[in-house]
């Protein structure tokens, strides 16, 4: 039980860092997204997004399952964008001007999450192979 709790906490920390990095990259790449100056807004916005994704995203995906199935999974891009919008509404240091910018930010953050997840899974397999 304690090991599982530690694993979930580690996963949340990794997602927090990855989301912070993704938001920072999205703010650099897209003119429609802005952050207050400094590192704190990036860290707090990443935490907000990590918490929204951990708490609300599973329920939103479950409720939007018919749309996800009809679009062959493409509606998940919209769900990711909506999670970014929700993080924007929860934290005033992050400003997103339109839904398209949030959808693009969601795609960018999703790609970064995918790359990190694949890398960590590969690293975990190599580590367990050497033990």
Protein backbone atom coordinates (compact mmCIF):
# COMPACT_ATOMS: atom_id res chain seq x y z
CA UNK A 1 0.00 0.00 0.00
CA UNK A 2 2.76 2.42 0.95
CA UNK A 3 4.73 1.50 -2.17
CA UNK A 4 1.69 2.19 -4.36
CA UNK A 5 1.12 5.58 -2.71
CA UNK A 6 4.77 6.46 -3.27
CA UNK A 7 4.46 5.44 -6.92
CA UNK A 8 1.35 7.60 -7.41
CA UNK A 9 3.04 10.57 -5.75
CA UNK A 10 6.09 10.13 -7.97
CA UNK A 11 3.84 9.96 -11.03
CA UNK A 12 2.10 13.21 -9.97
CA UNK A 13 5.48 14.94 -9.50
CA UNK A 14 6.64 13.82 -12.94
CA UNK A 15 3.40 15.02 -14.52
CA UNK A 16 3.75 18.32 -12.67
CA UNK A 17 7.23 18.90 -14.09
CA UNK A 18 6.22 17.78 -17.57
CA UNK A 19 3.08 19.96 -17.56
CA UNK A 20 5.11 22.96 -16.35
CA UNK A 21 7.60 22.42 -19.17
CA UNK A 22 4.78 22.02 -21.70
CA UNK A 23 3.02 25.19 -20.57
CA UNK A 24 6.30 27.07 -20.75
CA UNK A 25 6.92 25.81 -24.30
CA UNK A 26 3.34 26.62 -25.32
CA UNK A 27 3.71 30.16 -23.96
CA UNK A 28 6.88 30.59 -26.02
CA UNK A 29 5.42 29.05 -29.20
CA UNK A 30 1.96 30.61 -29.15
CA UNK A 31 1.22 34.32 -28.92
CA UNK A 32 -2.24 33.61 -27.49
CA UNK A 33 -0.80 32.16 -24.27
CA UNK A 34 1.00 34.26 -21.70
CA UNK A 35 2.41 33.72 -18.24
CA UNK A 36 3.38 36.19 -15.57
CA UNK A 37 7.14 36.70 -15.45
CA UNK A 38 9.32 34.41 -13.41
CA UNK A 39 9.41 30.70 -12.71
CA UNK A 40 6.65 30.61 -10.10
CA UNK A 41 3.76 31.07 -12.58
CA UNK A 42 5.12 28.21 -14.69
CA UNK A 43 5.37 25.91 -11.67
CA UNK A 44 1.92 26.85 -10.32
CA UNK A 45 0.25 26.55 -13.74
CA UNK A 46 1.87 23.13 -14.18
CA UNK A 47 0.57 22.05 -10.78
CA UNK A 48 -2.94 23.28 -11.61
CA UNK A 49 -2.90 21.35 -14.89
CA UNK A 50 -1.52 18.21 -13.22
CA UNK A 51 -4.26 18.33 -10.56
CA UNK A 52 -7.02 19.01 -13.11
CA UNK A 53 -5.77 16.10 -15.23
CA UNK A 54 -5.53 13.78 -12.22
CA UNK A 55 -8.92 14.66 -10.72
CA UNK A 56 -11.29 15.77 -13.48
CA UNK A 57 -9.93 14.38 -16.75
CA UNK A 58 -10.97 10.75 -16.10
CA UNK A 59 -14.58 11.81 -15.47
CA UNK A 60 -14.62 14.10 -18.52
CA UNK A 61 -13.25 11.32 -20.71
CA UNK A 62 -15.87 8.91 -19.38
CA UNK A 63 -18.68 11.39 -20.04
CA UNK A 64 -17.41 12.21 -23.52
CA UNK A 65 -16.82 8.59 -24.49
CA UNK A 66 -19.51 8.63 -27.23
CA UNK A 67 -17.83 11.64 -28.89
CA UNK A 68 -14.42 10.01 -28.52
CA UNK A 69 -15.67 6.82 -30.16
CA UNK A 70 -17.45 8.66 -33.00
CA UNK A 71 -14.32 10.68 -33.81
CA UNK A 72 -12.03 7.64 -33.42
CA UNK A 73 -10.24 9.25 -30.48
CA UNK A 74 -9.73 12.72 -31.93
CA UNK A 75 -12.08 14.27 -29.38
CA UNK A 76 -9.42 13.62 -26.74
CA UNK A 77 -7.55 16.57 -28.27
CA UNK A 78 -10.53 18.76 -27.38
CA UNK A 79 -10.65 17.26 -23.87
CA UNK A 80 -6.96 18.11 -23.41
CA UNK A 81 -7.64 21.66 -24.55
CA UNK A 82 -10.54 21.96 -22.12
CA UNK A 83 -8.29 20.82 -19.27
CA UNK A 84 -5.86 23.60 -20.20
CA UNK A 85 -8.75 26.10 -20.22
CA UNK A 86 -9.81 24.90 -16.78
CA UNK A 87 -6.26 25.32 -15.46
CA UNK A 88 -6.32 28.84 -16.94
CA UNK A 89 -9.57 29.62 -15.09
CA UNK A 90 -8.21 28.27 -11.80
CA UNK A 91 -4.92 30.20 -11.94
CA UNK A 92 -4.78 33.87 -12.90
CA UNK A 93 -1.04 33.79 -13.71
CA UNK A 94 -1.82 31.85 -16.89
CA UNK A 95 -3.73 33.65 -19.64
CA UNK A 96 -5.10 31.92 -22.72
CA UNK A 97 -6.91 34.11 -25.22
CA UNK A 98 -8.90 31.52 -27.18
CA UNK A 99 -9.95 27.88 -27.32
CA UNK A 100 -7.72 27.09 -30.31
CA UNK A 101 -4.64 28.16 -28.38
CA UNK A 102 -5.64 25.94 -25.48
CA UNK A 103 -6.21 23.00 -27.85
CA UNK A 104 -2.77 23.54 -29.41
CA UNK A 105 -1.25 23.81 -25.94
CA UNK A 106 -3.03 20.58 -24.97
CA UNK A 107 -1.58 18.85 -28.05
CA UNK A 108 1.93 20.10 -27.23
CA UNK A 109 1.67 19.07 -23.58
CA UNK A 110 0.21 15.71 -24.61
CA UNK A 111 3.13 15.07 -26.98
CA UNK A 112 5.64 15.96 -24.28
CA UNK A 113 3.81 13.68 -21.80
CA UNK A 114 3.88 10.87 -24.37
CA UNK A 115 7.61 11.24 -24.99
CA UNK A 116 8.41 11.33 -21.27
CA UNK A 117 6.17 8.33 -20.55
CA UNK A 118 7.77 6.25 -23.31
CA UNK A 119 11.24 7.27 -22.13
CA UNK A 120 10.50 6.38 -18.51
CA UNK A 121 8.97 3.04 -19.45
CA UNK A 122 12.04 2.20 -21.51
CA UNK A 123 14.31 3.29 -18.66
CA UNK A 124 12.31 1.19 -16.19
CA UNK A 125 12.59 -1.89 -18.39
CA UNK A 126 16.35 -1.44 -18.76
CA UNK A 127 16.72 -0.91 -15.02
CA UNK A 128 14.74 -4.05 -14.13
CA UNK A 129 16.69 -6.07 -16.70
CA UNK A 130 20.01 -5.21 -14.97
CA UNK A 131 18.76 -6.00 -11.47
